[in-house]
């Protein structure tokens, strides 16, 4: 499952990021050389940034690449550190799951109202649904991480190191 998640989310984020780069290049060249920019390029860039951020979110959680304040971790015994991490993962799963549910509800509301982007008139509901699905997937990742030892998903954490950090 980890490889599939890496491949799908990584591909989605990578394609969106490449599209932003290509769109920006063509837009700037069009403005400088032809005195005409791409209509809706700002809207497209904003939408693609949403895709990049939310597609990367499950990967950041899966690989333990969040910002971490760990200056006191060496003072905790390993069992307490594992418990702390499980509680943090549970909290993250609950928050992201709740956010996914709210986003899904908002997407349905936007679809029923026919909300579209200002310039290109793209429907906004499907993008918010994608955000909700990716938040839900990230919540699932955190639930699965609760079941693993901390060293399996947090860089630099070793389950075998005794309290005090001595080896």
N, C-alpha and C. Protein backbone atom coordinates (compact mmCIF):
# COMPACT_ATOMS: atom_id res chain seq x y z
N UNK A 1 0.81 -1.19 0.00
CA UNK A 1 0.00 0.00 0.00
C UNK A 1 0.86 1.26 0.00
N UNK A 2 2.00 1.19 0.73
CA UNK A 2 2.88 2.36 0.80
C UNK A 2 3.40 2.74 -0.59
N UNK A 3 3.79 1.75 -1.37
CA UNK A 3 4.30 2.03 -2.72
C UNK A 3 3.22 2.63 -3.62
N UNK A 4 2.00 2.09 -3.49
CA UNK A 4 0.89 2.60 -4.29
C UNK A 4 0.58 4.05 -3.92
N UNK A 5 0.56 4.32 -2.63
CA UNK A 5 0.31 5.68 -2.16
C UNK A 5 1.41 6.62 -2.62
N UNK A 6 2.65 6.18 -2.49
CA UNK A 6 3.79 6.98 -2.96
C UNK A 6 3.65 7.28 -4.45
N UNK A 7 3.31 6.25 -5.22
CA UNK A 7 3.21 6.41 -6.67
C UNK A 7 2.06 7.33 -7.06
N UNK A 8 0.88 7.07 -6.53
CA UNK A 8 -0.29 7.85 -6.94
C UNK A 8 -0.23 9.30 -6.47
N UNK A 9 0.03 9.50 -5.20
CA UNK A 9 0.09 10.87 -4.68
C UNK A 9 1.30 11.61 -5.23
N UNK A 10 2.42 10.91 -5.34
CA UNK A 10 3.61 11.53 -5.90
C UNK A 10 3.41 11.92 -7.35
N UNK A 11 2.77 11.05 -8.13
CA UNK A 11 2.49 11.36 -9.53
C UNK A 11 1.53 12.54 -9.64
N UNK A 12 0.48 12.54 -8.84
CA UNK A 12 -0.49 13.63 -8.87
C UNK A 12 0.17 14.96 -8.52
N UNK A 13 0.95 14.98 -7.45
CA UNK A 13 1.64 16.21 -7.05
C UNK A 13 2.67 16.63 -8.09
N UNK A 14 3.41 15.66 -8.62
CA UNK A 14 4.43 15.96 -9.62
C UNK A 14 3.85 16.51 -10.91
N UNK A 15 2.77 15.91 -11.38
CA UNK A 15 2.13 16.39 -12.61
C UNK A 15 1.57 17.79 -12.40
N UNK A 16 0.94 18.02 -11.26
CA UNK A 16 0.41 19.36 -10.98
C UNK A 16 1.53 20.39 -10.89
N UNK A 17 2.62 20.03 -10.25
CA UNK A 17 3.75 20.96 -10.13
C UNK A 17 4.38 21.24 -11.49
N UNK A 18 4.50 20.21 -12.31
CA UNK A 18 5.02 20.41 -13.67
C UNK A 18 4.08 21.29 -14.48
N UNK A 19 2.77 21.08 -14.31
CA UNK A 19 1.80 21.91 -15.03
C UNK A 19 1.91 23.37 -14.61
N UNK A 20 2.14 23.62 -13.33
CA UNK A 20 2.34 25.00 -12.86
C UNK A 20 3.56 25.60 -13.53
N UNK A 21 4.64 24.82 -13.58
CA UNK A 21 5.87 25.30 -14.18
C UNK A 21 5.66 25.61 -15.67
N UNK A 22 5.04 24.70 -16.40
CA UNK A 22 4.82 24.88 -17.83
C UNK A 22 3.87 26.06 -18.08
N UNK A 23 2.82 26.14 -17.29
CA UNK A 23 1.85 27.24 -17.44
C UNK A 23 2.53 28.59 -17.18
N UNK A 24 3.35 28.66 -16.15
CA UNK A 24 4.05 29.90 -15.83
C UNK A 24 5.02 30.28 -16.95
N UNK A 25 5.75 29.30 -17.47
CA UNK A 25 6.69 29.56 -18.56
C UNK A 25 5.97 30.10 -19.78
N UNK A 26 4.90 29.42 -20.19
CA UNK A 26 4.16 29.85 -21.39
C UNK A 26 3.51 31.20 -21.15
N UNK A 27 2.97 31.43 -19.96
CA UNK A 27 2.32 32.70 -19.64
C UNK A 27 3.32 33.85 -19.68
N UNK A 28 4.48 33.66 -19.09
CA UNK A 28 5.50 34.72 -19.08
C UNK A 28 6.01 34.97 -20.49
N UNK A 29 6.29 33.91 -21.23
CA UNK A 29 6.74 34.09 -22.62
C UNK A 29 5.68 34.81 -23.45
N UNK A 30 4.43 34.45 -23.24
CA UNK A 30 3.35 35.11 -23.97
C UNK A 30 3.26 36.59 -23.64
N UNK A 31 3.44 36.92 -22.37
CA UNK A 31 3.39 38.33 -21.98
C UNK A 31 4.57 39.11 -22.52
N UNK A 32 5.75 38.51 -22.47
CA UNK A 32 6.96 39.23 -22.90
C UNK A 32 7.10 39.30 -24.41
N UNK A 33 6.77 38.20 -25.10
CA UNK A 33 7.00 38.15 -26.54
C UNK A 33 5.78 38.57 -27.37
N UNK A 34 4.60 38.24 -26.89
CA UNK A 34 3.39 38.50 -27.67
C UNK A 34 2.48 39.56 -27.03
N UNK A 35 2.90 40.05 -25.86
CA UNK A 35 2.11 41.04 -25.13
C UNK A 35 0.70 40.52 -24.81
N UNK A 36 0.60 39.21 -24.55
CA UNK A 36 -0.70 38.61 -24.23
C UNK A 36 -0.47 37.41 -23.29
N UNK A 37 -1.12 37.47 -22.13
CA UNK A 37 -0.97 36.35 -21.20
C UNK A 37 -2.09 35.34 -21.39
N UNK A 38 -1.94 34.19 -20.76
CA UNK A 38 -2.95 33.13 -20.86
C UNK A 38 -4.14 33.52 -19.97
N UNK A 39 -5.31 33.48 -20.55
CA UNK A 39 -6.52 33.78 -19.81
C UNK A 39 -6.73 32.76 -18.70
N UNK A 40 -6.91 33.24 -17.49
CA UNK A 40 -7.16 32.35 -16.36
C UNK A 40 -5.94 31.67 -15.79
N UNK A 41 -4.76 32.13 -16.16
CA UNK A 41 -3.54 31.46 -15.67
C UNK A 41 -3.42 31.53 -14.16
N UNK A 42 -3.84 32.63 -13.55
CA UNK A 42 -3.78 32.74 -12.10
C UNK A 42 -4.72 31.73 -11.44
N UNK A 43 -5.94 31.60 -11.97
CA UNK A 43 -6.89 30.62 -11.44
C UNK A 43 -6.34 29.20 -11.56
N UNK A 44 -5.79 28.89 -12.73
CA UNK A 44 -5.23 27.55 -12.93
C UNK A 44 -4.08 27.28 -11.99
N UNK A 45 -3.23 28.27 -11.78
CA UNK A 45 -2.10 28.11 -10.87
C UNK A 45 -2.60 27.87 -9.45
N UNK A 46 -3.62 28.62 -9.03
CA UNK A 46 -4.17 28.43 -7.69
C UNK A 46 -4.74 27.03 -7.52
N UNK A 47 -5.48 26.57 -8.50
CA UNK A 47 -6.08 25.22 -8.43
C UNK A 47 -4.99 24.15 -8.41
N UNK A 48 -3.98 24.32 -9.24
CA UNK A 48 -2.89 23.35 -9.28
C UNK A 48 -2.08 23.36 -7.98
N UNK A 49 -1.95 24.52 -7.34
CA UNK A 49 -1.26 24.58 -6.04
C UNK A 49 -2.03 23.80 -4.99
N UNK A 50 -3.36 23.89 -5.03
CA UNK A 50 -4.19 23.10 -4.12
C UNK A 50 -3.93 21.62 -4.33
N UNK A 51 -3.85 21.21 -5.59
CA UNK A 51 -3.59 19.80 -5.90
C UNK A 51 -2.21 19.38 -5.37
N UNK A 52 -1.20 20.21 -5.59
CA UNK A 52 0.15 19.89 -5.11
C UNK A 52 0.15 19.72 -3.59
N UNK A 53 -0.44 20.67 -2.89
CA UNK A 53 -0.41 20.66 -1.42
C UNK A 53 -1.16 19.46 -0.87
N UNK A 54 -2.38 19.24 -1.34
CA UNK A 54 -3.19 18.16 -0.77
C UNK A 54 -2.74 16.79 -1.23
N UNK A 55 -2.13 16.68 -2.42
CA UNK A 55 -1.59 15.39 -2.85
C UNK A 55 -0.32 15.04 -2.08
N UNK A 56 0.42 16.05 -1.66
CA UNK A 56 1.65 15.80 -0.89
C UNK A 56 1.37 15.51 0.57
N UNK A 57 0.21 15.91 1.07
CA UNK A 57 -0.10 15.74 2.49
C UNK A 57 -0.03 14.29 2.95
N UNK A 58 -0.63 13.31 2.24
CA UNK A 58 -0.48 11.93 2.69
C UNK A 58 0.98 11.45 2.68
N UNK A 59 1.75 11.94 1.72
CA UNK A 59 3.16 11.53 1.62
C UNK A 59 3.98 12.09 2.77
N UNK A 60 3.72 13.34 3.13
CA UNK A 60 4.42 13.96 4.25
C UNK A 60 4.14 13.19 5.54
N UNK A 61 2.88 12.82 5.74
CA UNK A 61 2.52 12.05 6.94
C UNK A 61 3.13 10.66 6.90
N UNK A 62 3.04 10.01 5.76
CA UNK A 62 3.54 8.64 5.62
C UNK A 62 5.03 8.54 5.89
N UNK A 63 5.77 9.55 5.47
CA UNK A 63 7.23 9.53 5.61
C UNK A 63 7.71 10.28 6.86
N UNK A 64 6.79 10.77 7.69
CA UNK A 64 7.18 11.46 8.92
C UNK A 64 7.98 12.72 8.66
N UNK A 65 7.58 13.49 7.67
CA UNK A 65 8.34 14.68 7.30
C UNK A 65 7.72 15.98 7.78
N UNK A 66 6.81 15.89 8.75
CA UNK A 66 6.24 17.09 9.34
C UNK A 66 7.30 17.77 10.19
N UNK A 67 7.08 19.04 10.48
CA UNK A 67 7.94 19.75 11.41
C UNK A 67 7.72 19.15 12.79
N UNK A 68 8.80 18.83 13.49
CA UNK A 68 8.71 18.15 14.77
C UNK A 68 9.53 18.91 15.80
N UNK A 69 8.95 19.10 16.98
CA UNK A 69 9.68 19.67 18.11
C UNK A 69 10.10 18.50 18.99
N UNK A 70 11.36 18.13 18.93
CA UNK A 70 11.81 16.91 19.62
C UNK A 70 12.96 17.16 20.59
N UNK A 71 13.10 18.37 21.08
CA UNK A 71 14.25 18.65 21.94
C UNK A 71 14.16 17.97 23.30
N UNK A 72 12.98 17.53 23.71
CA UNK A 72 12.84 16.85 24.99
C UNK A 72 12.66 15.34 24.84
N UNK A 73 12.63 14.85 23.62
CA UNK A 73 12.39 13.42 23.39
C UNK A 73 13.44 12.52 24.02
N UNK A 74 14.66 12.97 24.09
CA UNK A 74 15.71 12.13 24.67
C UNK A 74 15.52 11.92 26.18
N UNK A 75 14.67 12.73 26.79
CA UNK A 75 14.40 12.58 28.22
C UNK A 75 13.28 11.58 28.50
N UNK A 76 12.54 11.20 27.47
CA UNK A 76 11.40 10.29 27.66
C UNK A 76 11.84 8.85 27.45
N UNK A 77 11.28 7.94 28.24
CA UNK A 77 11.55 6.52 27.98
C UNK A 77 10.89 6.11 26.66
N UNK A 78 11.41 5.10 25.98
CA UNK A 78 10.87 4.70 24.68
C UNK A 78 9.37 4.39 24.70
N UNK A 79 8.89 3.74 25.78
CA UNK A 79 7.46 3.40 25.81
C UNK A 79 6.59 4.64 25.85
N UNK A 80 7.05 5.70 26.54
CA UNK A 80 6.29 6.93 26.61
C UNK A 80 6.32 7.66 25.27
N UNK A 81 7.45 7.59 24.61
CA UNK A 81 7.57 8.22 23.29
C UNK A 81 6.64 7.53 22.29
N UNK A 82 6.55 6.20 22.35
CA UNK A 82 5.63 5.48 21.46
C UNK A 82 4.18 5.84 21.78
N UNK A 83 3.85 5.94 23.06
CA UNK A 83 2.50 6.33 23.46
C UNK A 83 2.18 7.74 22.99
N UNK A 84 3.13 8.64 23.19
CA UNK A 84 2.94 10.02 22.74
C UNK A 84 2.68 10.06 21.24
N UNK A 85 3.45 9.31 20.47
CA UNK A 85 3.29 9.33 19.03
C UNK A 85 1.95 8.75 18.61
N UNK A 86 1.50 7.71 19.31
CA UNK A 86 0.19 7.13 19.00
C UNK A 86 -0.92 8.14 19.27
N UNK A 87 -0.82 8.88 20.36
CA UNK A 87 -1.82 9.90 20.69
C UNK A 87 -1.79 11.02 19.64
N UNK A 88 -0.61 11.42 19.23
CA UNK A 88 -0.48 12.47 18.21
C UNK A 88 -1.09 11.98 16.89
N UNK A 89 -0.77 10.73 16.50
CA UNK A 89 -1.35 10.19 15.26
C UNK A 89 -2.87 10.10 15.34
N UNK A 90 -3.39 9.72 16.49
CA UNK A 90 -4.84 9.65 16.67
C UNK A 90 -5.46 11.04 16.56
N UNK A 91 -4.83 12.03 17.17
CA UNK A 91 -5.32 13.40 17.07
C UNK A 91 -5.29 13.92 15.64
N UNK A 92 -4.21 13.62 14.94
CA UNK A 92 -4.10 14.04 13.54
C UNK A 92 -5.17 13.35 12.69
N UNK A 93 -5.38 12.06 12.93
CA UNK A 93 -6.39 11.32 12.18
C UNK A 93 -7.78 11.90 12.43
N UNK A 94 -8.07 12.22 13.68
CA UNK A 94 -9.38 12.79 14.01
C UNK A 94 -9.56 14.16 13.36
N UNK A 95 -8.55 15.01 13.46
CA UNK A 95 -8.64 16.35 12.88
C UNK A 95 -8.77 16.29 11.35
N UNK A 96 -7.94 15.48 10.72
CA UNK A 96 -7.99 15.37 9.26
C UNK A 96 -9.26 14.68 8.78
N UNK A 97 -9.73 13.70 9.54
CA UNK A 97 -10.99 13.05 9.19
C UNK A 97 -12.16 14.01 9.30
N UNK A 98 -12.18 14.81 10.37
CA UNK A 98 -13.22 15.82 10.51
C UNK A 98 -13.15 16.87 9.41
N UNK A 99 -11.94 17.28 9.07
CA UNK A 99 -11.76 18.25 7.99
C UNK A 99 -12.23 17.66 6.67
N UNK A 100 -11.92 16.39 6.42
CA UNK A 100 -12.35 15.74 5.19
C UNK A 100 -13.87 15.72 5.10
N UNK A 101 -14.53 15.40 6.20
CA UNK A 101 -15.98 15.37 6.21
C UNK A 101 -16.56 16.76 5.93
N UNK A 102 -16.02 17.80 6.59
CA UNK A 102 -16.50 19.16 6.36
C UNK A 102 -16.27 19.60 4.91
N UNK A 103 -15.12 19.24 4.37
CA UNK A 103 -14.83 19.60 2.98
C UNK A 103 -15.78 18.89 2.02
N UNK A 104 -16.07 17.63 2.30
CA UNK A 104 -16.99 16.87 1.44
C UNK A 104 -18.37 17.53 1.46
N UNK A 105 -18.82 17.93 2.64
CA UNK A 105 -20.10 18.62 2.76
C UNK A 105 -20.08 19.95 1.99
N UNK A 106 -18.98 20.68 2.12
CA UNK A 106 -18.85 21.96 1.41
C UNK A 106 -18.83 21.75 -0.09
N UNK A 107 -18.17 20.70 -0.54
CA UNK A 107 -18.12 20.40 -1.97
C UNK A 107 -19.52 20.12 -2.51
N UNK A 108 -20.31 19.37 -1.75
CA UNK A 108 -21.68 19.08 -2.16
C UNK A 108 -22.50 20.37 -2.23
N UNK A 109 -22.30 21.24 -1.25
CA UNK A 109 -23.01 22.52 -1.25
C UNK A 109 -22.59 23.37 -2.45
N UNK A 110 -21.30 23.41 -2.72
CA UNK A 110 -20.81 24.18 -3.86
C UNK A 110 -21.37 23.64 -5.17
N UNK A 111 -21.43 22.32 -5.28
CA UNK A 111 -21.97 21.71 -6.49
C UNK A 111 -23.46 22.04 -6.65
N UNK A 112 -24.19 22.01 -5.55
CA UNK A 112 -25.63 22.31 -5.63
C UNK A 112 -25.88 23.78 -5.98
N UNK A 113 -25.00 24.67 -5.55
CA UNK A 113 -25.13 26.09 -5.87
C UNK A 113 -24.58 26.40 -7.26
N UNK A 114 -23.81 25.48 -7.83
CA UNK A 114 -23.19 25.72 -9.13
C UNK A 114 -22.01 26.67 -9.06
N UNK A 115 -21.30 26.67 -7.93
CA UNK A 115 -20.14 27.57 -7.76
C UNK A 115 -19.07 27.26 -8.79
N UNK A 116 -18.56 28.32 -9.41
CA UNK A 116 -17.49 28.18 -10.40
C UNK A 116 -16.41 29.22 -10.11
N UNK A 117 -15.27 29.03 -10.74
CA UNK A 117 -14.20 30.02 -10.63
C UNK A 117 -14.63 31.28 -11.39
N UNK A 118 -14.05 32.41 -11.02
CA UNK A 118 -14.49 33.70 -11.56
C UNK A 118 -14.23 33.87 -13.05
N UNK A 119 -13.05 33.48 -13.49
CA UNK A 119 -12.69 33.80 -14.87
C UNK A 119 -12.96 32.65 -15.84
N UNK A 120 -12.56 31.45 -15.49
CA UNK A 120 -12.70 30.32 -16.41
C UNK A 120 -14.02 29.56 -16.24
N UNK A 121 -14.76 29.88 -15.19
CA UNK A 121 -16.04 29.23 -14.91
C UNK A 121 -15.90 27.72 -14.71
N UNK A 122 -14.80 27.30 -14.11
CA UNK A 122 -14.59 25.88 -13.79
C UNK A 122 -15.40 25.56 -12.53
N UNK A 123 -16.08 24.41 -12.50
CA UNK A 123 -16.81 24.05 -11.28
C UNK A 123 -15.83 23.81 -10.13
N UNK A 124 -16.15 24.36 -8.96
CA UNK A 124 -15.24 24.26 -7.82
C UNK A 124 -15.47 23.01 -6.98
N UNK A 125 -16.67 22.45 -7.04
CA UNK A 125 -17.00 21.28 -6.24
C UNK A 125 -16.02 20.11 -6.39
N UNK A 126 -15.68 19.71 -7.61
CA UNK A 126 -14.76 18.57 -7.76
C UNK A 126 -13.39 18.79 -7.13
N UNK A 127 -12.90 20.02 -7.14
CA UNK A 127 -11.60 20.30 -6.54
C UNK A 127 -11.68 20.19 -5.01
N UNK A 128 -12.78 20.65 -4.45
CA UNK A 128 -12.96 20.54 -3.00
C UNK A 128 -13.18 19.07 -2.63
N UNK A 129 -13.85 18.30 -3.49
CA UNK A 129 -14.00 16.86 -3.24
C UNK A 129 -12.64 16.17 -3.25
N UNK A 130 -11.77 16.55 -4.18
CA UNK A 130 -10.42 15.98 -4.22
C UNK A 130 -9.67 16.32 -2.93
N UNK A 131 -9.80 17.55 -2.46
CA UNK A 131 -9.17 17.94 -1.21
C UNK A 131 -9.69 17.08 -0.06
N UNK A 132 -11.00 16.84 -0.05
CA UNK A 132 -11.61 16.03 1.01
C UNK A 132 -11.09 14.60 0.97
N UNK A 133 -11.01 14.03 -0.21
CA UNK A 133 -10.52 12.65 -0.35
C UNK A 133 -9.07 12.54 0.11
N UNK A 134 -8.25 13.51 -0.27
CA UNK A 134 -6.84 13.47 0.13
C UNK A 134 -6.66 13.71 1.62
N UNK A 135 -7.50 14.54 2.23
CA UNK A 135 -7.48 14.71 3.70
C UNK A 135 -7.90 13.41 4.37
N UNK A 136 -8.93 12.77 3.84
CA UNK A 136 -9.38 11.49 4.39
C UNK A 136 -8.30 10.43 4.26
N UNK A 137 -7.60 10.41 3.15
CA UNK A 137 -6.51 9.47 2.95
C UNK A 137 -5.38 9.73 3.95
N UNK A 138 -5.10 10.99 4.21
CA UNK A 138 -4.08 11.34 5.19
C UNK A 138 -4.50 10.90 6.59
N UNK A 139 -5.79 11.05 6.90
CA UNK A 139 -6.31 10.57 8.19
C UNK A 139 -6.11 9.07 8.31
N UNK A 140 -6.38 8.34 7.25
CA UNK A 140 -6.18 6.89 7.23
C UNK A 140 -4.71 6.55 7.44
N UNK A 141 -3.82 7.30 6.82
CA UNK A 141 -2.38 7.10 7.00
C UNK A 141 -2.01 7.23 8.48
N UNK A 142 -2.55 8.25 9.15
CA UNK A 142 -2.24 8.44 10.57
C UNK A 142 -2.80 7.31 11.42
N UNK A 143 -3.97 6.80 11.07
CA UNK A 143 -4.52 5.65 11.81
C UNK A 143 -3.62 4.43 11.65
N UNK A 144 -3.11 4.21 10.45
CA UNK A 144 -2.21 3.08 10.22
C UNK A 144 -0.87 3.28 10.91
N UNK A 145 -0.40 4.52 10.97
CA UNK A 145 0.87 4.80 11.65
C UNK A 145 0.79 4.55 13.15
N UNK A 146 -0.41 4.67 13.71
CA UNK A 146 -0.59 4.39 15.14
C UNK A 146 -0.20 2.96 15.48
N UNK A 147 -0.34 2.08 14.52
CA UNK A 147 -0.10 0.66 14.76
C UNK A 147 1.36 0.26 14.58
N UNK A 148 2.19 1.18 14.10
CA UNK A 148 3.59 0.86 13.84
C UNK A 148 4.49 1.48 14.91
N UNK A 149 5.64 0.86 15.15
CA UNK A 149 6.63 1.50 16.03
C UNK A 149 7.03 2.85 15.46
N UNK A 150 7.39 3.77 16.32
CA UNK A 150 7.68 5.14 15.87
C UNK A 150 8.84 5.20 14.88
N UNK A 151 9.80 4.35 14.98
CA UNK A 151 10.95 4.44 14.08
C UNK A 151 10.56 4.15 12.64
N UNK A 152 9.43 3.49 12.41
CA UNK A 152 9.01 3.16 11.06
C UNK A 152 8.45 4.36 10.31
N UNK A 153 8.13 5.43 11.00
CA UNK A 153 7.57 6.58 10.30
C UNK A 153 8.07 7.92 10.78
N UNK A 154 9.10 7.93 11.57
CA UNK A 154 9.68 9.20 11.98
C UNK A 154 11.19 9.14 11.83
N UNK A 155 11.68 9.95 10.94
CA UNK A 155 13.10 9.97 10.61
C UNK A 155 13.92 10.32 11.85
N UNK A 156 14.95 9.55 12.10
CA UNK A 156 15.85 9.83 13.20
C UNK A 156 15.41 9.25 14.54
N UNK A 157 14.27 8.59 14.58
CA UNK A 157 13.77 8.00 15.82
C UNK A 157 14.11 6.52 15.80
N UNK A 158 14.73 6.06 16.85
CA UNK A 158 15.12 4.67 16.95
C UNK A 158 14.43 4.05 18.15
N UNK A 159 13.59 3.03 17.93
CA UNK A 159 12.87 2.40 19.02
C UNK A 159 13.78 1.66 19.99
N UNK A 160 14.97 1.31 19.56
CA UNK A 160 15.85 0.52 20.39
C UNK A 160 16.77 1.34 21.30
N UNK A 161 16.74 2.68 21.13
CA UNK A 161 17.59 3.53 21.95
C UNK A 161 16.98 3.69 23.32
N UNK A 162 17.69 3.38 24.40
CA UNK A 162 17.14 3.54 25.74
C UNK A 162 16.95 5.01 26.10
N UNK A 163 16.20 5.26 27.17
CA UNK A 163 15.97 6.62 27.63
C UNK A 163 17.31 7.31 27.88
N UNK A 164 17.40 8.56 27.55
CA UNK A 164 18.63 9.31 27.72
C UNK A 164 19.46 9.33 26.46
N UNK A 165 19.06 8.58 25.43
CA UNK A 165 19.71 8.61 24.13
C UNK A 165 20.99 7.82 24.02
N UNK A 166 21.43 7.13 25.09
CA UNK A 166 22.69 6.37 25.03
C UNK A 166 22.46 5.08 24.27
N UNK A 167 23.46 4.66 23.55
CA UNK A 167 23.36 3.39 22.80
C UNK A 167 24.26 2.33 23.39
